[in-house]
Amino acid sequence: MDTISRAELAEMIEAGTVVVVDALPAAPYANRHLPGAVNLTIEDIADAGQVLPDRTAAIVTYSTDSACGRGPELARALTGAGYANVRNYAEGIAGWAAAGLPLETGG
């Protein structure tokens, strides 16, 4: 599975050229998430087509941090479901927040 650096992800978010997917459950997602992120968990992979209708879009999944398997697991599942351009941001929300980058709340 391909990964993406924090700098590259930040550039893509700024440019609006990526769909960011928070792989955490609804409560942590509502508490805080990366800018513009949508929420999709591995348990709800059957809903991927509704949440992510463009199977050719650049998609980046993430979860808590590099020790959390939810982001990579979702990235593999999306790739297996036919999404062509999926990467994982391994540092997760913990790395993003530690770098002082903006977060959003609600959902």
Protein backbone atom coordinates (compact mmCIF):
# COMPACT_ATOMS: atom_id res chain seq x y z
CA MET A 1 0.00 0.00 0.00
CA ASP A 2 1.25 3.46 -0.89
CA THR A 3 1.72 6.13 1.75
CA ILE A 4 1.85 9.91 1.59
CA SER A 5 3.92 12.43 3.52
CA ARG A 6 2.42 15.13 5.70
CA ALA A 7 3.81 17.86 3.41
CA GLU A 8 2.35 16.29 0.26
CA LEU A 9 -1.01 15.73 1.93
CA ALA A 10 -1.12 19.32 3.19
CA GLU A 11 -0.42 20.58 -0.35
CA MET A 12 -3.14 18.38 -1.82
CA ILE A 13 -5.67 19.48 0.81
CA GLU A 14 -4.80 23.13 0.13
CA ALA A 15 -5.17 22.58 -3.63
CA GLY A 16 -8.41 20.61 -3.24
CA THR A 17 -7.02 17.67 -5.21
CA VAL A 18 -7.62 14.89 -2.68
CA VAL A 19 -10.47 13.20 -0.84
CA VAL A 20 -9.33 12.68 2.74
CA VAL A 21 -10.98 9.80 4.58
CA ASP A 22 -10.96 9.46 8.37
CA ALA A 23 -11.09 5.74 9.16
CA LEU A 24 -11.94 6.24 12.84
CA PRO A 25 -15.41 5.70 14.33
CA ALA A 26 -17.94 8.53 14.31
CA ALA A 27 -17.24 9.93 17.80
CA PRO A 28 -13.49 10.54 17.32
CA TYR A 29 -14.22 11.89 13.82
CA ALA A 30 -16.74 14.37 15.22
CA ASN A 31 -14.26 15.40 17.93
CA ARG A 32 -11.56 16.32 15.40
CA HIS A 33 -10.49 15.45 11.88
CA LEU A 34 -8.29 16.70 9.07
CA PRO A 35 -9.69 19.59 7.00
CA GLY A 36 -12.45 18.46 4.67
CA ALA A 37 -12.20 14.82 5.70
CA VAL A 38 -15.14 12.49 5.25
CA ASN A 39 -15.77 9.61 7.63
CA LEU A 40 -15.78 5.97 6.51
CA THR A 41 -14.84 3.02 8.67
CA ILE A 42 -13.88 -0.47 7.61
CA GLU A 43 -17.12 -1.66 9.22
CA ASP A 44 -19.05 0.56 6.77
CA ILE A 45 -17.08 -0.35 3.64
CA ALA A 46 -20.35 -1.36 1.96
CA ASP A 47 -21.22 2.38 1.96
CA ALA A 48 -18.02 3.36 0.14
CA GLY A 49 -19.82 4.01 -3.14
CA GLN A 50 -22.07 6.58 -1.48
CA VAL A 51 -19.28 8.30 0.46
CA LEU A 52 -16.70 8.04 -2.35
CA PRO A 53 -18.55 7.96 -5.68
CA ASP A 54 -15.46 8.70 -7.84
CA ARG A 55 -13.33 5.55 -8.00
CA THR A 56 -10.58 7.43 -9.88
CA ALA A 57 -10.17 10.29 -7.36
CA ALA A 58 -7.03 10.68 -5.28
CA ILE A 59 -8.01 9.28 -1.86
CA VAL A 60 -5.96 9.39 1.33
CA THR A 61 -7.01 7.43 4.40
CA TYR A 62 -5.78 8.03 7.93
CA SER A 63 -6.48 6.98 11.48
CA THR A 64 -4.92 7.79 14.86
CA ASP A 65 -1.19 7.24 14.26
CA SER A 66 1.28 4.79 12.76
CA ALA A 67 0.37 2.16 15.37
CA CYS A 68 -3.33 2.24 14.41
CA GLY A 69 -4.27 -0.23 11.68
CA ARG A 70 -7.63 1.29 10.72
CA GLY A 71 -6.26 3.65 8.05
CA PRO A 72 -4.13 1.07 6.24
CA GLU A 73 -6.89 -1.53 6.52
CA LEU A 74 -9.40 0.84 4.93
CA ALA A 75 -6.93 1.79 2.19
CA ARG A 76 -6.43 -1.89 1.30
CA ALA A 77 -10.20 -2.49 1.32
CA LEU A 78 -10.85 0.50 -0.95
CA THR A 79 -8.16 -0.65 -3.35
CA GLY A 80 -9.71 -4.11 -3.34
CA ALA A 81 -13.10 -2.54 -4.07
CA GLY A 82 -11.76 -0.96 -7.25
CA TYR A 83 -10.58 2.48 -6.14
CA ALA A 84 -7.58 3.26 -8.31
CA ASN A 85 -5.63 5.94 -6.42
CA VAL A 86 -5.62 5.23 -2.67
CA ARG A 87 -2.82 6.06 -0.23
CA ASN A 88 -2.54 6.12 3.54
CA TYR A 89 -1.22 8.92 5.75
CA ALA A 90 0.55 6.79 8.35
CA GLU A 91 1.22 9.56 10.90
CA GLY A 92 -2.52 9.99 11.31
CA ILE A 93 -4.32 12.70 13.17
CA ALA A 94 -1.77 12.57 15.99
CA GLY A 95 1.06 13.50 13.63
CA TRP A 96 -1.01 16.16 11.92
CA ALA A 97 -1.98 17.77 15.25
CA ALA A 98 1.59 17.51 16.62
CA ALA A 99 2.78 19.49 13.59
CA GLY A 100 0.35 22.27 14.53
CA LEU A 101 -1.72 21.88 11.38
CA PRO A 102 -5.42 22.84 11.41
CA LEU A 103 -8.16 20.45 12.41
CA GLU A 104 -11.94 20.59 12.06
CA THR A 105 -14.66 19.45 14.43
CA GLY A 106 -18.20 18.23 13.93
CA GLY A 107 -19.43 15.93 11.33
